[in-house]
């Protein structure tokens, strides 16, 4: 499953911002998964400009990011195995609610009704909607790719 964060928001991404900015620049907006982190691991290992101590720290951070992704996957899998209807449907319900909220706001705006929504709420809705879409659909795509590769 993919993380909700972009590569530059991961632990290794933050580390690379100061130690190997060109690597980070190339991967900054990529959604990290174990394959992406494996490629980064190879790039770091083969880069002669990165100090040995920095390489060691970077490889540890990659392992932490991979571990974090596995924990998220495990939580989502345990939710799906639960007998609770709510735990199985929280993500789809959030997706439906946020999409509906966005459609309602767009409709109100399109009809030029006298209804003002503070920019902070619009920004929050955008952020939540993008996060939920990436987590929901991105993770589903990653799961399918992983199953196909196995």
N, C-alpha and C. Protein backbone atom coordinates (compact mmCIF):
# COMPACT_ATOMS: atom_id res chain seq x y z
N UNK A 1 0.84 -1.18 0.00
CA UNK A 1 0.00 0.00 0.00
C UNK A 1 0.88 1.24 0.00
N UNK A 2 0.39 2.28 -0.54
CA UNK A 2 1.17 3.50 -0.54
C UNK A 2 0.86 4.31 0.69
N UNK A 3 1.76 5.15 0.98
CA UNK A 3 1.58 6.08 2.06
C UNK A 3 0.78 7.27 1.55
N UNK A 4 0.26 8.06 2.49
CA UNK A 4 -0.45 9.26 2.11
C UNK A 4 0.52 10.38 1.78
N UNK A 5 1.75 10.27 2.25
CA UNK A 5 2.76 11.30 2.05
C UNK A 5 3.43 11.16 0.69
N UNK A 6 3.90 12.30 0.17
CA UNK A 6 4.75 12.24 -1.01
C UNK A 6 6.14 11.87 -0.55
N UNK A 7 7.00 11.53 -1.47
CA UNK A 7 8.34 11.08 -1.11
C UNK A 7 9.09 12.12 -0.29
N UNK A 8 8.96 13.39 -0.68
CA UNK A 8 9.70 14.43 0.03
C UNK A 8 9.22 14.60 1.47
N UNK A 9 8.06 14.07 1.83
CA UNK A 9 7.54 14.17 3.19
C UNK A 9 7.92 12.98 4.06
N UNK A 10 8.61 11.99 3.49
CA UNK A 10 9.04 10.84 4.28
C UNK A 10 10.31 11.18 5.05
N UNK A 11 10.70 10.29 5.94
CA UNK A 11 11.92 10.51 6.72
C UNK A 11 13.13 10.57 5.80
N UNK A 12 13.20 9.67 4.84
CA UNK A 12 14.34 9.67 3.92
C UNK A 12 14.29 10.91 3.03
N UNK A 13 13.11 11.35 2.67
CA UNK A 13 12.98 12.56 1.86
C UNK A 13 13.51 13.79 2.58
N UNK A 14 13.18 13.92 3.87
CA UNK A 14 13.69 15.04 4.67
C UNK A 14 15.21 14.97 4.77
N UNK A 15 15.73 13.77 4.95
CA UNK A 15 17.18 13.59 5.04
C UNK A 15 17.86 13.98 3.73
N UNK A 16 17.30 13.53 2.62
CA UNK A 16 17.91 13.79 1.32
C UNK A 16 17.86 15.28 0.93
N UNK A 17 16.94 16.03 1.52
CA UNK A 17 16.84 17.45 1.18
C UNK A 17 18.15 18.19 1.45
N UNK A 18 18.90 17.73 2.46
CA UNK A 18 20.17 18.38 2.76
C UNK A 18 21.37 17.59 2.25
N UNK A 19 21.26 16.27 2.16
CA UNK A 19 22.41 15.43 1.82
C UNK A 19 22.52 15.11 0.33
N UNK A 20 21.39 14.97 -0.34
CA UNK A 20 21.40 14.65 -1.78
C UNK A 20 20.17 15.28 -2.43
N UNK A 21 20.16 16.60 -2.54
CA UNK A 21 18.97 17.29 -3.05
C UNK A 21 18.59 16.91 -4.48
N UNK A 22 19.55 16.49 -5.30
CA UNK A 22 19.22 16.11 -6.67
C UNK A 22 18.37 14.84 -6.70
N UNK A 23 18.68 13.90 -5.82
CA UNK A 23 17.87 12.68 -5.72
C UNK A 23 16.46 13.05 -5.26
N UNK A 24 16.38 13.91 -4.25
CA UNK A 24 15.07 14.33 -3.75
C UNK A 24 14.29 15.08 -4.81
N UNK A 25 14.95 15.95 -5.55
CA UNK A 25 14.28 16.73 -6.59
C UNK A 25 13.66 15.80 -7.63
N UNK A 26 14.35 14.73 -7.96
CA UNK A 26 13.84 13.79 -8.96
C UNK A 26 12.63 13.01 -8.45
N UNK A 27 12.55 12.80 -7.13
CA UNK A 27 11.51 11.95 -6.58
C UNK A 27 10.53 12.67 -5.65
N UNK A 28 10.65 13.97 -5.51
CA UNK A 28 9.90 14.73 -4.51
C UNK A 28 8.41 14.52 -4.47
N UNK A 29 7.72 14.44 -5.59
CA UNK A 29 6.27 14.33 -5.61
C UNK A 29 5.78 12.91 -5.91
N UNK A 30 6.71 11.98 -5.98
CA UNK A 30 6.33 10.58 -6.21
C UNK A 30 5.70 10.05 -4.93
N UNK A 31 4.70 9.21 -5.06
CA UNK A 31 4.12 8.56 -3.90
C UNK A 31 4.98 7.36 -3.55
N UNK A 32 5.53 7.35 -2.35
CA UNK A 32 6.47 6.29 -2.00
C UNK A 32 5.79 4.95 -1.81
N UNK A 33 6.46 3.92 -2.25
CA UNK A 33 6.07 2.55 -1.95
C UNK A 33 7.36 1.76 -1.81
N UNK A 34 7.26 0.48 -1.54
CA UNK A 34 8.48 -0.28 -1.30
C UNK A 34 9.36 -0.33 -2.54
N UNK A 35 8.78 -0.34 -3.71
CA UNK A 35 9.56 -0.33 -4.95
C UNK A 35 10.33 0.96 -5.12
N UNK A 36 9.66 2.09 -4.89
CA UNK A 36 10.31 3.39 -5.00
C UNK A 36 11.45 3.49 -3.99
N UNK A 37 11.18 3.07 -2.77
CA UNK A 37 12.22 3.14 -1.74
C UNK A 37 13.38 2.21 -2.07
N UNK A 38 13.11 1.09 -2.72
CA UNK A 38 14.18 0.20 -3.17
C UNK A 38 15.06 0.87 -4.21
N UNK A 39 14.45 1.60 -5.13
CA UNK A 39 15.21 2.33 -6.15
C UNK A 39 16.07 3.40 -5.47
N UNK A 40 15.48 4.12 -4.52
CA UNK A 40 16.23 5.16 -3.80
C UNK A 40 17.39 4.53 -3.03
N UNK A 41 17.15 3.39 -2.45
CA UNK A 41 18.21 2.68 -1.71
C UNK A 41 19.38 2.38 -2.65
N UNK A 42 19.08 1.92 -3.85
CA UNK A 42 20.13 1.64 -4.84
C UNK A 42 20.85 2.91 -5.28
N UNK A 43 20.09 4.00 -5.48
CA UNK A 43 20.70 5.28 -5.87
C UNK A 43 21.66 5.78 -4.80
N UNK A 44 21.23 5.69 -3.56
CA UNK A 44 22.07 6.15 -2.45
C UNK A 44 23.31 5.29 -2.33
N UNK A 45 23.13 3.98 -2.41
CA UNK A 45 24.27 3.06 -2.29
C UNK A 45 25.32 3.29 -3.36
N UNK A 46 24.87 3.64 -4.55
CA UNK A 46 25.82 3.80 -5.67
C UNK A 46 26.34 5.22 -5.84
N UNK A 47 25.81 6.19 -5.06
CA UNK A 47 26.25 7.58 -5.17
C UNK A 47 27.56 7.79 -4.42
N UNK A 48 28.62 8.11 -5.14
CA UNK A 48 29.94 8.30 -4.53
C UNK A 48 30.08 9.65 -3.84
N UNK A 49 29.16 10.57 -4.07
CA UNK A 49 29.24 11.90 -3.47
C UNK A 49 28.68 11.93 -2.05
N UNK A 50 27.92 10.92 -1.67
CA UNK A 50 27.34 10.87 -0.33
C UNK A 50 28.34 10.17 0.59
N UNK A 51 28.61 10.78 1.73
CA UNK A 51 29.54 10.21 2.71
C UNK A 51 29.01 8.88 3.23
N UNK A 52 29.92 7.99 3.62
CA UNK A 52 29.55 6.66 4.12
C UNK A 52 28.63 6.75 5.33
N UNK A 53 28.92 7.66 6.24
CA UNK A 53 28.08 7.80 7.43
C UNK A 53 26.67 8.27 7.05
N UNK A 54 26.58 9.15 6.05
CA UNK A 54 25.28 9.62 5.58
C UNK A 54 24.52 8.50 4.87
N UNK A 55 25.25 7.68 4.11
CA UNK A 55 24.61 6.53 3.44
C UNK A 55 24.00 5.60 4.47
N UNK A 56 24.75 5.33 5.52
CA UNK A 56 24.27 4.43 6.57
C UNK A 56 23.01 4.98 7.22
N UNK A 57 23.02 6.28 7.52
CA UNK A 57 21.84 6.91 8.12
C UNK A 57 20.66 6.88 7.14
N UNK A 58 20.92 7.14 5.88
CA UNK A 58 19.85 7.13 4.87
C UNK A 58 19.22 5.75 4.74
N UNK A 59 20.04 4.72 4.75
CA UNK A 59 19.52 3.36 4.63
C UNK A 59 18.66 3.00 5.84
N UNK A 60 19.05 3.47 7.02
CA UNK A 60 18.22 3.24 8.22
C UNK A 60 16.88 3.96 8.10
N UNK A 61 16.90 5.18 7.58
CA UNK A 61 15.66 5.93 7.40
C UNK A 61 14.74 5.26 6.38
N UNK A 62 15.32 4.70 5.33
CA UNK A 62 14.52 3.97 4.33
C UNK A 62 13.83 2.79 5.00
N UNK A 63 14.57 2.06 5.83
CA UNK A 63 13.98 0.92 6.54
C UNK A 63 12.84 1.38 7.45
N UNK A 64 13.00 2.52 8.11
CA UNK A 64 11.93 3.05 8.96
C UNK A 64 10.70 3.41 8.13
N UNK A 65 10.91 4.02 6.96
CA UNK A 65 9.78 4.36 6.10
C UNK A 65 9.07 3.11 5.59
N UNK A 66 9.83 2.09 5.24
CA UNK A 66 9.22 0.83 4.79
C UNK A 66 8.43 0.21 5.92
N UNK A 67 8.99 0.23 7.12
CA UNK A 67 8.30 -0.32 8.29
C UNK A 67 6.99 0.43 8.55
N UNK A 68 7.04 1.75 8.43
CA UNK A 68 5.84 2.57 8.63
C UNK A 68 4.76 2.20 7.62
N UNK A 69 5.15 2.00 6.36
CA UNK A 69 4.17 1.63 5.33
C UNK A 69 3.55 0.26 5.63
N UNK A 70 4.37 -0.66 6.10
CA UNK A 70 3.86 -2.00 6.44
C UNK A 70 2.86 -1.92 7.59
N UNK A 71 3.13 -1.06 8.57
CA UNK A 71 2.22 -0.90 9.71
C UNK A 71 0.87 -0.35 9.26
N UNK A 72 0.89 0.61 8.35
CA UNK A 72 -0.36 1.15 7.82
C UNK A 72 -1.13 0.04 7.10
N UNK A 73 -0.42 -0.74 6.29
CA UNK A 73 -1.06 -1.86 5.58
C UNK A 73 -1.66 -2.85 6.57
N UNK A 74 -0.92 -3.15 7.62
CA UNK A 74 -1.42 -4.10 8.63
C UNK A 74 -2.67 -3.56 9.33
N UNK A 75 -2.68 -2.25 9.64
CA UNK A 75 -3.87 -1.67 10.28
C UNK A 75 -5.07 -1.77 9.35
N UNK A 76 -4.86 -1.44 8.07
CA UNK A 76 -5.97 -1.50 7.12
C UNK A 76 -6.45 -2.94 6.94
N UNK A 77 -5.53 -3.88 6.91
CA UNK A 77 -5.93 -5.30 6.78
C UNK A 77 -6.70 -5.75 8.01
N UNK A 78 -6.28 -5.36 9.20
CA UNK A 78 -7.02 -5.76 10.40
C UNK A 78 -8.40 -5.11 10.43
N UNK A 79 -8.52 -3.89 9.93
CA UNK A 79 -9.84 -3.26 9.83
C UNK A 79 -10.76 -4.10 8.94
N UNK A 80 -10.24 -4.57 7.84
CA UNK A 80 -11.06 -5.34 6.90
C UNK A 80 -11.45 -6.71 7.46
N UNK A 81 -10.66 -7.25 8.37
CA UNK A 81 -10.97 -8.55 8.98
C UNK A 81 -11.90 -8.42 10.17
N UNK A 82 -12.14 -7.20 10.61
CA UNK A 82 -12.97 -6.94 11.77
C UNK A 82 -14.43 -7.32 11.49
N UNK A 83 -15.15 -7.61 12.56
CA UNK A 83 -16.58 -7.89 12.42
C UNK A 83 -17.41 -6.61 12.42
N UNK A 84 -16.77 -5.49 12.68
CA UNK A 84 -17.47 -4.22 12.77
C UNK A 84 -17.73 -3.63 11.38
N UNK A 85 -18.97 -3.30 11.12
CA UNK A 85 -19.34 -2.69 9.84
C UNK A 85 -18.65 -1.34 9.70
N UNK A 86 -18.59 -0.58 10.80
CA UNK A 86 -18.02 0.76 10.75
C UNK A 86 -16.53 0.73 10.42
N UNK A 87 -15.77 -0.17 11.02
CA UNK A 87 -14.33 -0.20 10.74
C UNK A 87 -14.05 -0.62 9.29
N UNK A 88 -14.90 -1.43 8.71
CA UNK A 88 -14.73 -1.84 7.32
C UNK A 88 -15.10 -0.73 6.34
N UNK A 89 -15.97 0.17 6.78
CA UNK A 89 -16.52 1.16 5.85
C UNK A 89 -16.12 2.60 6.15
N UNK A 90 -15.24 2.82 7.10
CA UNK A 90 -14.85 4.19 7.44
C UNK A 90 -14.21 4.90 6.26
N UNK A 91 -13.25 4.28 5.60
CA UNK A 91 -12.58 4.93 4.46
C UNK A 91 -13.54 5.19 3.30
N UNK A 92 -14.35 4.21 2.89
CA UNK A 92 -15.31 4.53 1.81
C UNK A 92 -16.31 5.62 2.20
N UNK A 93 -16.76 5.61 3.45
CA UNK A 93 -17.69 6.65 3.90
C UNK A 93 -17.03 8.03 3.89
N UNK A 94 -15.78 8.10 4.32
CA UNK A 94 -15.06 9.37 4.29
C UNK A 94 -14.91 9.85 2.86
N UNK A 95 -14.61 8.94 1.95
CA UNK A 95 -14.47 9.28 0.54
C UNK A 95 -15.80 9.83 -0.01
N UNK A 96 -16.88 9.17 0.29
CA UNK A 96 -18.20 9.60 -0.18
C UNK A 96 -18.56 10.96 0.41
N UNK A 97 -18.35 11.14 1.72
CA UNK A 97 -18.68 12.41 2.37
C UNK A 97 -17.87 13.56 1.80
N UNK A 98 -16.56 13.38 1.67
CA UNK A 98 -15.71 14.47 1.18
C UNK A 98 -16.01 14.80 -0.28
N UNK A 99 -16.26 13.78 -1.09
CA UNK A 99 -16.61 14.01 -2.49
C UNK A 99 -17.95 14.75 -2.58
N UNK A 100 -18.91 14.32 -1.79
CA UNK A 100 -20.22 14.99 -1.79
C UNK A 100 -20.10 16.44 -1.33
N UNK A 101 -19.30 16.67 -0.30
CA UNK A 101 -19.09 18.04 0.19
C UNK A 101 -18.48 18.92 -0.90
N UNK A 102 -17.50 18.38 -1.61
CA UNK A 102 -16.88 19.15 -2.69
C UNK A 102 -17.88 19.45 -3.80
N UNK A 103 -18.70 18.47 -4.16
CA UNK A 103 -19.69 18.67 -5.21
C UNK A 103 -20.73 19.71 -4.78
N UNK A 104 -21.16 19.66 -3.52
CA UNK A 104 -22.13 20.64 -3.02
C UNK A 104 -21.53 22.04 -3.07
N UNK A 105 -20.28 22.19 -2.62
CA UNK A 105 -19.63 23.51 -2.66
C UNK A 105 -19.47 24.01 -4.09
N UNK A 106 -19.11 23.12 -5.01
CA UNK A 106 -18.96 23.54 -6.41
C UNK A 106 -20.31 23.94 -6.99
N UNK A 107 -21.36 23.21 -6.63
CA UNK A 107 -22.69 23.53 -7.14
C UNK A 107 -23.16 24.89 -6.62
N UNK A 108 -22.98 25.11 -5.34
CA UNK A 108 -23.37 26.40 -4.76
C UNK A 108 -22.61 27.53 -5.43
N UNK A 109 -21.33 27.33 -5.64
CA UNK A 109 -20.50 28.34 -6.30
C UNK A 109 -20.95 28.56 -7.75
N UNK A 110 -21.31 27.48 -8.44
CA UNK A 110 -21.71 27.58 -9.85
C UNK A 110 -23.02 28.34 -10.03
N UNK A 111 -23.92 28.20 -9.06
CA UNK A 111 -25.20 28.88 -9.16
C UNK A 111 -25.16 30.28 -8.57
N UNK A 112 -23.99 30.72 -8.14
CA UNK A 112 -23.77 32.07 -7.60
C UNK A 112 -24.75 32.41 -6.48
N UNK A 113 -24.99 31.44 -5.63
CA UNK A 113 -25.86 31.69 -4.47
C UNK A 113 -25.08 32.50 -3.44
N UNK A 114 -25.80 33.25 -2.63
CA UNK A 114 -25.17 34.07 -1.59
C UNK A 114 -24.74 33.18 -0.43
N UNK A 115 -23.61 32.54 -0.60
CA UNK A 115 -23.12 31.62 0.41
C UNK A 115 -21.60 31.69 0.38
N UNK A 116 -21.01 32.21 1.43
CA UNK A 116 -19.57 32.34 1.48
C UNK A 116 -18.96 31.29 2.40
N UNK A 117 -17.96 30.63 1.89
CA UNK A 117 -17.22 29.66 2.68
C UNK A 117 -15.81 30.21 2.84
N UNK A 118 -15.36 30.24 4.08
CA UNK A 118 -14.03 30.75 4.38
C UNK A 118 -12.98 29.94 3.62
N UNK A 119 -11.96 30.61 3.13
CA UNK A 119 -10.89 29.97 2.35
C UNK A 119 -10.20 28.85 3.14
N UNK A 120 -10.11 28.99 4.45
CA UNK A 120 -9.48 27.96 5.28
C UNK A 120 -10.23 26.64 5.19
N UNK A 121 -11.57 26.70 5.15
CA UNK A 121 -12.37 25.47 5.05
C UNK A 121 -12.22 24.84 3.67
N UNK A 122 -12.16 25.67 2.65
CA UNK A 122 -11.98 25.15 1.29
C UNK A 122 -10.62 24.47 1.17
N UNK A 123 -9.60 25.10 1.73
CA UNK A 123 -8.26 24.53 1.71
C UNK A 123 -8.22 23.20 2.47
N UNK A 124 -8.88 23.16 3.62
CA UNK A 124 -8.94 21.93 4.40
C UNK A 124 -9.65 20.82 3.62
N UNK A 125 -10.76 21.15 2.99
CA UNK A 125 -11.50 20.17 2.19
C UNK A 125 -10.63 19.64 1.06
N UNK A 126 -9.92 20.53 0.37
CA UNK A 126 -9.04 20.10 -0.72
C UNK A 126 -7.97 19.14 -0.21
N UNK A 127 -7.35 19.49 0.89
CA UNK A 127 -6.28 18.66 1.44
C UNK A 127 -6.81 17.29 1.85
N UNK A 128 -7.93 17.28 2.56
CA UNK A 128 -8.52 16.01 2.98
C UNK A 128 -8.94 15.16 1.79
N UNK A 129 -9.55 15.80 0.80
CA UNK A 129 -10.01 15.07 -0.37
C UNK A 129 -8.86 14.44 -1.13
N UNK A 130 -7.80 15.19 -1.35
CA UNK A 130 -6.63 14.65 -2.05
C UNK A 130 -6.00 13.52 -1.24
N UNK A 131 -5.88 13.71 0.07
CA UNK A 131 -5.30 12.68 0.93
C UNK A 131 -6.10 11.39 0.88
N UNK A 132 -7.41 11.51 0.99
CA UNK A 132 -8.27 10.32 0.98
C UNK A 132 -8.24 9.64 -0.39
N UNK A 133 -8.28 10.42 -1.47
CA UNK A 133 -8.23 9.83 -2.81
C UNK A 133 -6.91 9.08 -3.02
N UNK A 134 -5.80 9.71 -2.64
CA UNK A 134 -4.49 9.07 -2.82
C UNK A 134 -4.40 7.80 -1.98
N UNK A 135 -4.83 7.90 -0.72
CA UNK A 135 -4.76 6.73 0.16
C UNK A 135 -5.67 5.62 -0.33
N UNK A 136 -6.88 5.97 -0.73
CA UNK A 136 -7.85 4.96 -1.11
C UNK A 136 -7.54 4.34 -2.47
N UNK A 137 -7.41 5.17 -3.48
CA UNK A 137 -7.19 4.65 -4.82
C UNK A 137 -5.74 4.29 -5.08
N UNK A 138 -4.81 5.06 -4.54
CA UNK A 138 -3.40 4.75 -4.71
C UNK A 138 -3.04 3.43 -4.06
N UNK A 139 -3.58 3.18 -2.87
CA UNK A 139 -3.26 1.93 -2.18
C UNK A 139 -3.89 0.74 -2.90
N UNK A 140 -5.06 0.93 -3.45
CA UNK A 140 -5.70 -0.16 -4.20
C UNK A 140 -4.87 -0.52 -5.43
N UNK A 141 -4.39 0.51 -6.13
CA UNK A 141 -3.55 0.26 -7.30
C UNK A 141 -2.26 -0.43 -6.92
N UNK A 142 -1.66 0.00 -5.83
CA UNK A 142 -0.41 -0.61 -5.37
C UNK A 142 -0.64 -2.06 -4.97
N UNK A 143 -1.77 -2.34 -4.32
CA UNK A 143 -2.09 -3.72 -3.95
C UNK A 143 -2.21 -4.60 -5.18
N UNK A 144 -2.90 -4.11 -6.20
CA UNK A 144 -3.08 -4.90 -7.42
C UNK A 144 -1.75 -5.14 -8.12
N UNK A 145 -0.91 -4.12 -8.19
CA UNK A 145 0.40 -4.27 -8.82
C UNK A 145 1.24 -5.27 -8.06
N UNK A 146 1.21 -5.20 -6.73
CA UNK A 146 1.97 -6.13 -5.90
C UNK A 146 1.50 -7.57 -6.13
N UNK A 147 0.18 -7.77 -6.18
CA UNK A 147 -0.36 -9.11 -6.42
C UNK A 147 0.02 -9.63 -7.79
N UNK A 148 0.00 -8.77 -8.80
CA UNK A 148 0.36 -9.18 -10.16
C UNK A 148 1.82 -9.56 -10.22
N UNK A 149 2.68 -8.77 -9.56
CA UNK A 149 4.13 -9.05 -9.58
C UNK A 149 4.49 -10.34 -8.85
N UNK A 150 3.68 -10.72 -7.86
CA UNK A 150 3.96 -11.97 -7.14
C UNK A 150 3.55 -13.14 -8.00
